Each structure stands twice: as C-alpha cells, then as structure tokens.
C-alpha atoms as a PDB file:
ATOM      1  CA  UNK A   1       0.000   0.000   0.000  1.00  0.00           C
ATOM      2  CA  UNK A   2       1.269   3.468  -0.873  1.00  0.00           C
ATOM      3  CA  UNK A   3       2.472   5.412   2.145  1.00  0.00           C
ATOM      4  CA  UNK A   4       0.896   8.787   2.709  1.00  0.00           C
ATOM      5  CA  UNK A   5       3.447  11.558   2.340  1.00  0.00           C
ATOM      6  CA  UNK A   6       3.604  14.063   5.148  1.00  0.00           C
ATOM      7  CA  UNK A   7       4.872  17.618   5.128  1.00  0.00           C
ATOM      8  CA  UNK A   8       7.991  17.771   7.301  1.00  0.00           C
ATOM      9  CA  UNK A   9       8.433  21.517   6.820  1.00  0.00           C
ATOM     10  CA  UNK A  10       6.418  24.436   8.224  1.00  0.00           C
ATOM     11  CA  UNK A  11       6.019  26.022   4.790  1.00  0.00           C
ATOM     12  CA  UNK A  12       2.652  25.294   3.224  1.00  0.00           C
ATOM     13  CA  UNK A  13       2.088  23.885  -0.248  1.00  0.00           C
ATOM     14  CA  UNK A  14       1.134  26.765  -2.528  1.00  0.00           C
ATOM     15  CA  UNK A  15      -2.014  26.476  -4.616  1.00  0.00           C
ATOM     16  CA  UNK A  16      -1.542  27.026  -8.374  1.00  0.00           C
ATOM     17  CA  UNK A  17      -3.794  30.104  -8.652  1.00  0.00           C
ATOM     18  CA  UNK A  18      -2.833  31.794  -5.390  1.00  0.00           C
ATOM     19  CA  UNK A  19      -0.986  35.097  -5.057  1.00  0.00           C
ATOM     20  CA  UNK A  20       1.893  33.380  -3.243  1.00  0.00           C
ATOM     21  CA  UNK A  21       2.262  30.960  -6.141  1.00  0.00           C
ATOM     22  CA  UNK A  22       2.562  33.856  -8.568  1.00  0.00           C
ATOM     23  CA  UNK A  23       5.187  35.536  -6.402  1.00  0.00           C
ATOM     24  CA  UNK A  24       7.138  32.269  -6.227  1.00  0.00           C
ATOM     25  CA  UNK A  25       7.086  31.936 -10.028  1.00  0.00           C
ATOM     26  CA  UNK A  26       8.456  35.483 -10.319  1.00  0.00           C
ATOM     27  CA  UNK A  27      11.264  34.672  -7.861  1.00  0.00           C
ATOM     28  CA  UNK A  28      12.088  31.496  -9.824  1.00  0.00           C
ATOM     29  CA  UNK A  29      12.277  33.532 -13.023  1.00  0.00           C
ATOM     30  CA  UNK A  30      14.598  36.061 -11.336  1.00  0.00           C
ATOM     31  CA  UNK A  31      16.756  33.231  -9.964  1.00  0.00           C
ATOM     32  CA  UNK A  32      16.074  34.312  -6.369  1.00  0.00           C
ATOM     33  CA  UNK A  33      14.985  30.820  -5.308  1.00  0.00           C
ATOM     34  CA  UNK A  34      16.129  27.409  -6.513  1.00  0.00           C
ATOM     35  CA  UNK A  35      14.534  23.982  -6.459  1.00  0.00           C
ATOM     36  CA  UNK A  36      16.380  21.118  -4.816  1.00  0.00           C
ATOM     37  CA  UNK A  37      17.446  19.704  -8.192  1.00  0.00           C
ATOM     38  CA  UNK A  38      18.720  23.059  -9.468  1.00  0.00           C
ATOM     39  CA  UNK A  39      20.573  23.763  -6.213  1.00  0.00           C
ATOM     40  CA  UNK A  40      22.264  20.351  -6.266  1.00  0.00           C
ATOM     41  CA  UNK A  41      23.255  20.867  -9.906  1.00  0.00           C
ATOM     42  CA  UNK A  42      24.658  24.309  -9.105  1.00  0.00           C
ATOM     43  CA  UNK A  43      26.767  22.962  -6.240  1.00  0.00           C
ATOM     44  CA  UNK A  44      27.839  19.833  -8.124  1.00  0.00           C
ATOM     45  CA  UNK A  45      26.611  17.425  -5.441  1.00  0.00           C
ATOM     46  CA  UNK A  46      23.754  14.943  -5.179  1.00  0.00           C
ATOM     47  CA  UNK A  47      20.339  15.829  -3.780  1.00  0.00           C
ATOM     48  CA  UNK A  48      20.673  13.573  -0.688  1.00  0.00           C
ATOM     49  CA  UNK A  49      24.022  15.221   0.139  1.00  0.00           C
ATOM     50  CA  UNK A  50      22.479  18.670  -0.274  1.00  0.00           C
ATOM     51  CA  UNK A  51      19.533  17.778   1.972  1.00  0.00           C
ATOM     52  CA  UNK A  52      21.926  16.601   4.694  1.00  0.00           C
ATOM     53  CA  UNK A  53      23.787  19.909   4.461  1.00  0.00           C
ATOM     54  CA  UNK A  54      20.516  21.859   4.784  1.00  0.00           C
ATOM     55  CA  UNK A  55      19.414  19.803   7.778  1.00  0.00           C
ATOM     56  CA  UNK A  56      22.804  20.196   9.476  1.00  0.00           C
ATOM     57  CA  UNK A  57      22.473  23.988   9.267  1.00  0.00           C
ATOM     58  CA  UNK A  58      18.722  24.000  10.064  1.00  0.00           C
ATOM     59  CA  UNK A  59      17.903  25.622   6.740  1.00  0.00           C
ATOM     60  CA  UNK A  60      14.279  25.223   5.703  1.00  0.00           C
ATOM     61  CA  UNK A  61      12.681  25.718   2.277  1.00  0.00           C
ATOM     62  CA  UNK A  62      10.973  29.030   1.668  1.00  0.00           C
ATOM     63  CA  UNK A  63       8.114  27.464  -0.284  1.00  0.00           C
ATOM     64  CA  UNK A  64       6.623  24.139  -1.339  1.00  0.00           C
ATOM     65  CA  UNK A  65       5.089  23.773  -4.780  1.00  0.00           C
ATOM     66  CA  UNK A  66       2.836  20.955  -5.858  1.00  0.00           C
ATOM     67  CA  UNK A  67       4.457  18.563  -8.333  1.00  0.00           C
ATOM     68  CA  UNK A  68       2.729  19.257 -11.688  1.00  0.00           C
ATOM     69  CA  UNK A  69       3.550  15.809 -13.092  1.00  0.00           C
ATOM     70  CA  UNK A  70       2.786  13.683 -10.019  1.00  0.00           C
ATOM     71  CA  UNK A  71       0.279  15.558  -7.846  1.00  0.00           C
ATOM     72  CA  UNK A  72       0.306  12.857  -5.162  1.00  0.00           C
ATOM     73  CA  UNK A  73       4.094  12.914  -4.859  1.00  0.00           C
ATOM     74  CA  UNK A  74       6.028  14.984  -2.350  1.00  0.00           C
ATOM     75  CA  UNK A  75       5.927  18.711  -3.161  1.00  0.00           C
ATOM     76  CA  UNK A  76       8.875  20.439  -4.794  1.00  0.00           C
ATOM     77  CA  UNK A  77      11.026  22.325  -2.286  1.00  0.00           C
ATOM     78  CA  UNK A  78      12.401  25.772  -3.105  1.00  0.00           C
ATOM     79  CA  UNK A  79      15.340  27.362  -1.284  1.00  0.00           C
ATOM     80  CA  UNK A  80      16.707  30.870  -1.015  1.00  0.00           C
ATOM     81  CA  UNK A  81      19.602  31.498  -3.374  1.00  0.00           C
ATOM     82  CA  UNK A  82      21.483  33.134  -0.468  1.00  0.00           C
ATOM     83  CA  UNK A  83      21.198  29.925   1.597  1.00  0.00           C
ATOM     84  CA  UNK A  84      22.458  27.863  -1.334  1.00  0.00           C
ATOM     85  CA  UNK A  85      25.431  30.213  -1.741  1.00  0.00           C
ATOM     86  CA  UNK A  86      26.155  29.871   1.981  1.00  0.00           C
ATOM     87  CA  UNK A  87      26.228  26.080   1.614  1.00  0.00           C
ATOM     88  CA  UNK A  88      28.470  26.447  -1.442  1.00  0.00           C
ATOM     89  CA  UNK A  89      31.094  28.333   0.583  1.00  0.00           C
ATOM     90  CA  UNK A  90      31.181  25.629   3.261  1.00  0.00           C
ATOM     91  CA  UNK A  91      34.442  23.693   3.534  1.00  0.00           C
ATOM     92  CA  UNK A  92      32.766  20.233   3.501  1.00  0.00           C
ATOM     93  CA  UNK A  93      30.905  21.008   0.291  1.00  0.00           C
ATOM     94  CA  UNK A  94      34.106  22.178  -1.408  1.00  0.00           C
ATOM     95  CA  UNK A  95      35.811  18.925  -0.414  1.00  0.00           C
ATOM     96  CA  UNK A  96      32.844  16.863  -1.651  1.00  0.00           C
ATOM     97  CA  UNK A  97      32.844  18.638  -5.021  1.00  0.00           C
ATOM     98  CA  UNK A  98      36.616  18.205  -5.283  1.00  0.00           C
ATOM     99  CA  UNK A  99      36.375  14.458  -4.627  1.00  0.00           C
ATOM    100  CA  UNK A 100      33.548  14.110  -7.159  1.00  0.00           C
ATOM    101  CA  UNK A 101      35.490  15.963  -9.856  1.00  0.00           C
ATOM    102  CA  UNK A 102      38.600  13.936  -9.118  1.00  0.00           C
ATOM    103  CA  UNK A 103      36.663  10.662  -9.400  1.00  0.00           C
ATOM    104  CA  UNK A 104      35.221  11.758 -12.772  1.00  0.00           C
ATOM    105  CA  UNK A 105      38.670  12.786 -13.995  1.00  0.00           C
ATOM    106  CA  UNK A 106      40.144   9.439 -12.922  1.00  0.00           C
ATOM    107  CA  UNK A 107      37.354   7.539 -14.670  1.00  0.00           C
ATOM    108  CA  UNK A 108      37.867   9.612 -17.824  1.00  0.00           C
ATOM    109  CA  UNK A 109      41.622   9.058 -17.792  1.00  0.00           C
ATOM    110  CA  UNK A 110      41.164   5.302 -17.315  1.00  0.00           C
ATOM    111  CA  UNK A 111      38.707   5.254 -20.229  1.00  0.00           C
ATOM    112  CA  UNK A 112      41.134   7.189 -22.441  1.00  0.00           C
ATOM    113  CA  UNK A 113      43.969   4.807 -21.535  1.00  0.00           C
ATOM    114  CA  UNK A 114      41.739   1.828 -22.363  1.00  0.00           C
ATOM    115  CA  UNK A 115      40.691   3.399 -25.690  1.00  0.00           C
ATOM    116  CA  UNK A 116      44.333   4.032 -26.619  1.00  0.00           C
ATOM    117  CA  UNK A 117      45.161   0.362 -25.960  1.00  0.00           C
ATOM    118  CA  UNK A 118      42.591  -0.904 -28.504  1.00  0.00           C
ATOM    119  CA  UNK A 119      44.935  -0.861 -31.553  1.00  0.00           C
ATOM    120  CA  UNK A 120      47.452  -3.098 -29.786  1.00  0.00           C
ATOM    121  CA  UNK A 121      44.782  -5.281 -28.202  1.00  0.00           C
ATOM    122  CA  UNK A 122      42.773  -5.719 -31.436  1.00  0.00           C
ATOM    123  CA  UNK A 123      45.170  -5.245 -34.380  1.00  0.00           C
ATOM    124  CA  UNK A 124      43.003  -7.116 -36.913  1.00  0.00           C
ATOM    125  CA  UNK A 125      39.384  -7.818 -37.788  1.00  0.00           C
ATOM    126  CA  UNK A 126      39.771 -11.497 -36.873  1.00  0.00           C
ATOM    127  CA  UNK A 127      40.897 -10.724 -33.324  1.00  0.00           C
ATOM    128  CA  UNK A 128      38.276  -8.016 -32.894  1.00  0.00           C
ATOM    129  CA  UNK A 129      35.369  -9.908 -34.483  1.00  0.00           C
ATOM    130  CA  UNK A 130      33.848 -11.487 -31.365  1.00  0.00           C
ATOM    131  CA  UNK A 131      34.191  -8.512 -29.008  1.00  0.00           C
ATOM    132  CA  UNK A 132      33.318  -6.054 -31.778  1.00  0.00           C
ATOM    133  CA  UNK A 133      30.067  -7.868 -32.580  1.00  0.00           C
ATOM    134  CA  UNK A 134      29.220  -8.002 -28.867  1.00  0.00           C
ATOM    135  CA  UNK A 135      29.758  -4.234 -28.629  1.00  0.00           C
ATOM    136  CA  UNK A 136      27.512  -3.633 -31.672  1.00  0.00           C
ATOM    137  CA  UNK A 137      24.831  -5.864 -30.128  1.00  0.00           C
ATOM    138  CA  UNK A 138      24.934  -3.934 -26.844  1.00  0.00           C
ATOM    139  CA  UNK A 139      24.779  -0.595 -28.661  1.00  0.00           C
ATOM    140  CA  UNK A 140      21.782  -1.788 -30.710  1.00  0.00           C
ATOM    141  CA  UNK A 141      19.953  -2.722 -27.509  1.00  0.00           C
ATOM    142  CA  UNK A 142      20.918   0.608 -25.959  1.00  0.00           C
ATOM    143  CA  UNK A 143      19.563   2.479 -28.991  1.00  0.00           C
ATOM    144  CA  UNK A 144      16.142   0.888 -28.519  1.00  0.00           C
ATOM    145  CA  UNK A 145      16.015   2.369 -25.003  1.00  0.00           C
ATOM    146  CA  UNK A 146      17.415   5.751 -26.027  1.00  0.00           C
ATOM    147  CA  UNK A 147      15.052   8.741 -25.883  1.00  0.00           C
ATOM    148  CA  UNK A 148      17.442  11.064 -27.700  1.00  0.00           C
ATOM    149  CA  UNK A 149      16.619  10.711 -31.397  1.00  0.00           C
ATOM    150  CA  UNK A 150      19.951  12.237 -32.459  1.00  0.00           C
ATOM    151  CA  UNK A 151      21.966   9.763 -30.358  1.00  0.00           C
ATOM    152  CA  UNK A 152      19.785   6.893 -31.574  1.00  0.00           C
ATOM    153  CA  UNK A 153      20.375   7.880 -35.222  1.00  0.00           C
ATOM    154  CA  UNK A 154      24.145   8.152 -34.611  1.00  0.00           C
ATOM    155  CA  UNK A 155      24.308   4.658 -33.084  1.00  0.00           C
ATOM    156  CA  UNK A 156      22.168   3.188 -35.869  1.00  0.00           C
ATOM    157  CA  UNK A 157      24.432   4.701 -38.541  1.00  0.00           C
ATOM    158  CA  UNK A 158      27.530   3.349 -36.769  1.00  0.00           C
ATOM    159  CA  UNK A 159      26.033  -0.151 -36.613  1.00  0.00           C
ATOM    160  CA  UNK A 160      25.011   0.047 -40.287  1.00  0.00           C
ATOM    161  CA  UNK A 161      28.547   1.060 -41.338  1.00  0.00           C
ATOM    162  CA  UNK A 162      30.090  -1.818 -39.367  1.00  0.00           C
ATOM    163  CA  UNK A 163      27.647  -4.341 -40.811  1.00  0.00           C
ATOM    164  CA  UNK A 164      28.349  -3.008 -44.309  1.00  0.00           C
ATOM    165  CA  UNK A 165      32.047  -3.584 -43.663  1.00  0.00           C
ATOM    166  CA  UNK A 166      31.379  -7.110 -42.428  1.00  0.00           C
ATOM    167  CA  UNK A 167      29.331  -7.735 -45.576  1.00  0.00           C
ATOM    168  CA  UNK A 168      32.160  -6.496 -47.816  1.00  0.00           C
ATOM    169  CA  UNK A 169      34.554  -8.922 -46.138  1.00  0.00           C
ATOM    170  CA  UNK A 170      32.123 -11.841 -46.513  1.00  0.00           C
ATOM    171  CA  UNK A 171      31.495 -12.247 -42.772  1.00  0.00           C
ATOM    172  CA  UNK A 172      27.700 -11.865 -42.935  1.00  0.00           C
ATOM    173  CA  UNK A 173      26.279 -15.378 -42.685  1.00  0.00           C
ATOM    174  CA  UNK A 174      22.603 -14.665 -43.384  1.00  0.00           C
ATOM    175  CA  UNK A 175      20.282 -11.847 -44.444  1.00  0.00           C
ATOM    176  CA  UNK A 176      16.508 -12.227 -44.173  1.00  0.00           C
ATOM    177  CA  UNK A 177      13.729  -9.763 -44.910  1.00  0.00           C
ATOM    178  CA  UNK A 178      10.666  -9.017 -42.821  1.00  0.00           C
ATOM    179  CA  UNK A 179       8.192  -6.194 -42.314  1.00  0.00           C
ATOM    180  CA  UNK A 180       7.639  -4.211 -39.148  1.00  0.00           C
ATOM    181  CA  UNK A 181       3.897  -3.709 -39.048  1.00  0.00           C
ATOM    182  CA  UNK A 182       2.041  -0.775 -37.548  1.00  0.00           C
ATOM    183  CA  UNK A 183      -1.495  -2.145 -37.170  1.00  0.00           C
ATOM    184  CA  UNK A 184      -4.481  -0.262 -38.475  1.00  0.00           C
ATOM    185  CA  UNK A 185      -6.212   2.065 -36.027  1.00  0.00           C
ATOM    186  CA  UNK A 186      -9.955   1.759 -35.665  1.00  0.00           C
ATOM    187  CA  UNK A 187     -11.776   5.085 -35.865  1.00  0.00           C
ATOM    188  CA  UNK A 188     -12.533   6.168 -32.298  1.00  0.00           C
ATOM    189  CA  UNK A 189     -15.372   8.406 -33.435  1.00  0.00           C
ATOM    190  CA  UNK A 190     -17.568   5.622 -34.857  1.00  0.00           C
ATOM    191  CA  UNK A 191     -15.798   2.649 -33.164  1.00  0.00           C
ATOM    192  CA  UNK A 192     -15.357   1.059 -36.590  1.00  0.00           C
ATOM    193  CA  UNK A 193     -19.085   1.103 -37.363  1.00  0.00           C
ATOM    194  CA  UNK A 194     -18.506   3.433 -40.377  1.00  0.00           C
ATOM    195  CA  UNK A 195     -21.629   5.467 -39.601  1.00  0.00           C
ATOM    196  CA  UNK A 196     -22.769   8.021 -37.041  1.00  0.00           C
ATOM    197  CA  UNK A 197     -26.301   8.617 -35.817  1.00  0.00           C
ATOM    198  CA  UNK A 198     -27.132  12.300 -35.596  1.00  0.00           C
ATOM    199  CA  UNK A 199     -29.280  13.896 -32.925  1.00  0.00           C
ATOM    200  CA  UNK A 200     -32.305  13.905 -35.266  1.00  0.00           C
ATOM    201  CA  UNK A 201     -32.014  10.134 -35.755  1.00  0.00           C
ATOM    202  CA  UNK A 202     -30.509  10.284 -39.231  1.00  0.00           C
ATOM    203  CA  UNK A 203     -27.590   7.910 -40.014  1.00  0.00           C
ATOM    204  CA  UNK A 204     -24.657   9.327 -41.994  1.00  0.00           C
ATOM    205  CA  UNK A 205     -21.152   8.134 -42.893  1.00  0.00           C
ATOM    206  CA  UNK A 206     -18.574   8.996 -40.257  1.00  0.00           C
ATOM    207  CA  UNK A 207     -16.804  12.221 -41.157  1.00  0.00           C
ATOM    208  CA  UNK A 208     -13.576  11.402 -39.360  1.00  0.00           C
ATOM    209  CA  UNK A 209     -12.812   8.183 -41.268  1.00  0.00           C
ATOM    210  CA  UNK A 210     -14.872   8.971 -44.409  1.00  0.00           C
ATOM    211  CA  UNK A 211     -17.099   5.978 -43.743  1.00  0.00           C
ATOM    212  CA  UNK A 212     -14.283   3.393 -43.752  1.00  0.00           C
ATOM    213  CA  UNK A 213     -14.208   2.616 -40.017  1.00  0.00           C
ATOM    214  CA  UNK A 214     -10.386   2.855 -40.116  1.00  0.00           C
ATOM    215  CA  UNK A 215      -8.643   6.009 -38.883  1.00  0.00           C
ATOM    216  CA  UNK A 216      -5.196   4.921 -40.127  1.00  0.00           C
ATOM    217  CA  UNK A 217      -4.499   2.049 -42.478  1.00  0.00           C
ATOM    218  CA  UNK A 218      -1.922  -0.635 -41.723  1.00  0.00           C
ATOM    219  CA  UNK A 219       1.647   0.497 -42.433  1.00  0.00           C
ATOM    220  CA  UNK A 220       4.512  -1.897 -43.244  1.00  0.00           C
ATOM    221  CA  UNK A 221       8.185  -0.947 -42.949  1.00  0.00           C
ATOM    222  CA  UNK A 222      10.594  -3.305 -44.773  1.00  0.00           C
ATOM    223  CA  UNK A 223      13.564  -4.441 -42.662  1.00  0.00           C
ATOM    224  CA  UNK A 224      16.511  -6.795 -42.955  1.00  0.00           C
ATOM    225  CA  UNK A 225      17.596  -9.254 -40.271  1.00  0.00           C
ATOM    226  CA  UNK A 226      21.382  -9.590 -40.579  1.00  0.00           C
ATOM    227  CA  UNK A 227      23.304 -12.415 -38.847  1.00  0.00           C
ATOM    228  CA  UNK A 228      27.021 -12.795 -38.176  1.00  0.00           C
ATOM    229  CA  UNK A 229      28.716 -15.825 -36.592  1.00  0.00           C
ATOM    230  CA  UNK A 230      31.641 -14.921 -34.321  1.00  0.00           C
ATOM    231  CA  UNK A 231      33.217 -17.663 -32.282  1.00  0.00           C
ATOM    232  CA  UNK A 232      30.561 -19.825 -30.659  1.00  0.00           C
ATOM    233  CA  UNK A 233      27.844 -17.149 -30.843  1.00  0.00           C
ATOM    234  CA  UNK A 234      25.558 -15.842 -33.531  1.00  0.00           C
ATOM    235  CA  UNK A 235      24.701 -12.136 -33.494  1.00  0.00           C
ATOM    236  CA  UNK A 236      21.614 -10.618 -35.117  1.00  0.00           C
ATOM    237  CA  UNK A 237      20.786  -7.024 -35.988  1.00  0.00           C
ATOM    238  CA  UNK A 238      17.680  -5.462 -37.474  1.00  0.00           C
ATOM    239  CA  UNK A 239      18.134  -2.618 -39.950  1.00  0.00           C
ATOM    240  CA  UNK A 240      15.692  -0.814 -42.183  1.00  0.00           C
ATOM    241  CA  UNK A 241      15.905  -1.803 -45.829  1.00  0.00           C
ATOM    242  CA  UNK A 242      16.944   1.767 -46.695  1.00  0.00           C
ATOM    243  CA  UNK A 243      20.034   1.560 -44.460  1.00  0.00           C
ATOM    244  CA  UNK A 244      20.952  -1.972 -45.589  1.00  0.00           C
ATOM    245  CA  UNK A 245      20.278  -1.790 -49.347  1.00  0.00           C
ATOM    246  CA  UNK A 246      23.722  -3.348 -49.908  1.00  0.00           C
ATOM    247  CA  UNK A 247      22.425  -6.657 -48.519  1.00  0.00           C
ATOM    248  CA  UNK A 248      20.378  -9.012 -50.697  1.00  0.00           C
ATOM    249  CA  UNK A 249      17.879 -11.028 -48.609  1.00  0.00           C
ATOM    250  CA  UNK A 250      18.225 -14.794 -48.917  1.00  0.00           C
ATOM    251  CA  UNK A 251      14.752 -15.449 -47.590  1.00  0.00           C
ATOM    252  CA  UNK A 252      11.990 -14.220 -45.333  1.00  0.00           C
ATOM    253  CA  UNK A 253      12.031 -14.224 -41.554  1.00  0.00           C
ATOM    254  CA  UNK A 254       9.085 -15.967 -39.920  1.00  0.00           C
ATOM    255  CA  UNK A 255       8.635 -13.239 -37.318  1.00  0.00           C
ATOM    256  CA  UNK A 256      10.357  -9.979 -36.331  1.00  0.00           C
ATOM    257  CA  UNK A 257      13.206 -10.497 -33.869  1.00  0.00           C
ATOM    258  CA  UNK A 258      12.520  -9.813 -30.214  1.00  0.00           C
ATOM    259  CA  UNK A 259      14.674  -7.040 -28.756  1.00  0.00           C
ATOM    260  CA  UNK A 260      15.947  -7.705 -25.260  1.00  0.00           C
ATOM    261  CA  UNK A 261      18.465  -6.053 -22.997  1.00  0.00           C
ATOM    262  CA  UNK A 262      18.588  -2.718 -21.252  1.00  0.00           C
ATOM    263  CA  UNK A 263      20.128   0.714 -21.415  1.00  0.00           C
ATOM    264  CA  UNK A 264      23.884   0.698 -20.872  1.00  0.00           C
ATOM    265  CA  UNK A 265      25.556   2.444 -17.972  1.00  0.00           C
ATOM    266  CA  UNK A 266      27.808   5.355 -18.886  1.00  0.00           C
ATOM    267  CA  UNK A 267      31.091   3.452 -18.525  1.00  0.00           C
ATOM    268  CA  UNK A 268      29.887   0.400 -20.478  1.00  0.00           C
ATOM    269  CA  UNK A 269      28.360   2.651 -23.142  1.00  0.00           C
ATOM    270  CA  UNK A 270      31.606   4.582 -23.616  1.00  0.00           C
ATOM    271  CA  UNK A 271      33.677   1.395 -23.835  1.00  0.00           C
ATOM    272  CA  UNK A 272      31.284  -0.238 -26.298  1.00  0.00           C
ATOM    273  CA  UNK A 273      31.213   2.921 -28.411  1.00  0.00           C
ATOM    274  CA  UNK A 274      35.021   3.184 -28.485  1.00  0.00           C
ATOM    275  CA  UNK A 275      35.374  -0.487 -29.422  1.00  0.00           C
ATOM    276  CA  UNK A 276      32.722  -0.184 -32.147  1.00  0.00           C
ATOM    277  CA  UNK A 277      34.497   2.827 -33.680  1.00  0.00           C
ATOM    278  CA  UNK A 278      37.810   0.941 -33.634  1.00  0.00           C
ATOM    279  CA  UNK A 279      36.055  -2.059 -35.221  1.00  0.00           C
ATOM    280  CA  UNK A 280      34.662   0.214 -37.948  1.00  0.00           C
ATOM    281  CA  UNK A 281      38.152   1.529 -38.664  1.00  0.00           C
ATOM    282  CA  UNK A 282      39.508  -2.022 -39.045  1.00  0.00           C
ATOM    283  CA  UNK A 283      36.678  -2.968 -41.413  1.00  0.00           C
ATOM    284  CA  UNK A 284      37.216   0.111 -43.584  1.00  0.00           C
ATOM    285  CA  UNK A 285      40.999  -0.388 -43.912  1.00  0.00           C
END
C-alpha cells in the first residue's frame, strides 16, 4: 500500500492560482529561489548530500510547490539562493565537489587509456570480431532504449557502417527480410461502425474516417535481419531496408526479432562505443 506523504516543513504547499504561487514563479524567473534539483546541480553534489547539508544547518525551504507531473508525490522544495550560496562556501561542500570531480577525472583518464590500448589489443578484424560484434549488439539494444533521437540515429548509422564492412569482407552469414507492421487504427469516433447517428435520428457516414471505419491504415516498414557468426555465438541485428540496401535477402524471416536487454551504464556505453568505432576503422581499412 502506498504510504501517505507528510509535510515535514512548516512552509505550506502553494495552490496554483494563489498570489503566493505567482510571487514564487516570479522569484524562480529572477533566480532568487532554486529547487532542490537546481541547487544540487549548481553545487555539483547529489540531492541527498544537499539535503543533509541543509538539515545540518537548520535551513528550511521558503516554499513548497505541488508537483505538476505527479500531484500525489512529495511537493517540490524551493530554497533561497542566499542559503544555497552559503552552503556552497562551506568547507565540507568544497571537499565533496573536489572528490567528485577527481573521481570523474580518474574515470575519464582510465577510459582514455583503455581506448588508446585498442589498436594493440585488437590489431586485426579477426581478433576483434567477437568482441566487436558483442559491442555492436549492446549498442543496438541501448539504442532501442534511447530517448534522444539524435543519439539513436548516430548509433544506428555506426552499426550500419560496421555491418556493411562485415558484408564487404564476406562475414555476414545470413540476411533475411521481414516487415515491421504498424497495425491499423480503428476510428474512435464511430468505433469502426462506419456510420454516425445524428441527434435527429438520421444515419450518416462517419466524417472522421470517411465511412471506412479505419482512422489509419496498416503500415509496413521493410527491414533486414542480418546475422554474423563470431566464435561460438551468432549475433543478429535489425536494420531498415533503406540503411541496408547493400544486402540481398536470402529469404523471409518468420517473425520480427525480439529485442531484449537494457540501457547501458555510462562506462559500459563509452567502452562499447570506443570499441565499435575501432572495429569500424579495421573494417574500412
């Protein structure tokens, strides 16, 4: 059962149409108050760390605003910019930010060292084939979970270039065609009945679907299912026919492939991306 959230602060939750709410919006616009997320981003620390700093100094939010996306969630806390600046000048916060920046710099340097070792670790396509295909598989799964259309397009183009290179070198074992189907949408105005009964009792063709009962017809997008055998594993990728026109299908797939996996963490994503780019360079040489 969902626990009832309680207000731990004396400040009341402002109503959307109240005068206090309007004054708060003006202060937010003038950067006089900051939400917890904005304050944590400004200081370069996490929200739990910031809340502990506020509680240690007995600093309370100046206003609470109802969450517009999740009304039943805890209200959004807003803090005075002067209080946030006071926390920023504290010695503990400076040390926390310094440690965080140092950890990020160390992780970046380790990643750069690893990326620079790829040419010696994978000097040829044969040695890079298994790990390179695994990296392309992980990036393809990551792209399906990616909300950024630009990043998704970049990853898809990278995968297409690598698969084209594998095809040029005769490493593609199978290419099958299939259609991704967007099913037809039934007209919600007439519920597929094709007609509407007017208030005077007369029956007329539905104006939204022109009497067809279908709001949008079925749409088919041609795709290719490309397979590569590397070691003891077989890797599969799905590409649109427009991006894989260099591949001639040898048959038809019985059903579209099921996409599994999850979004990659930052470190794994960066390593897979670096390995895939190195793999692309080997295939294009």
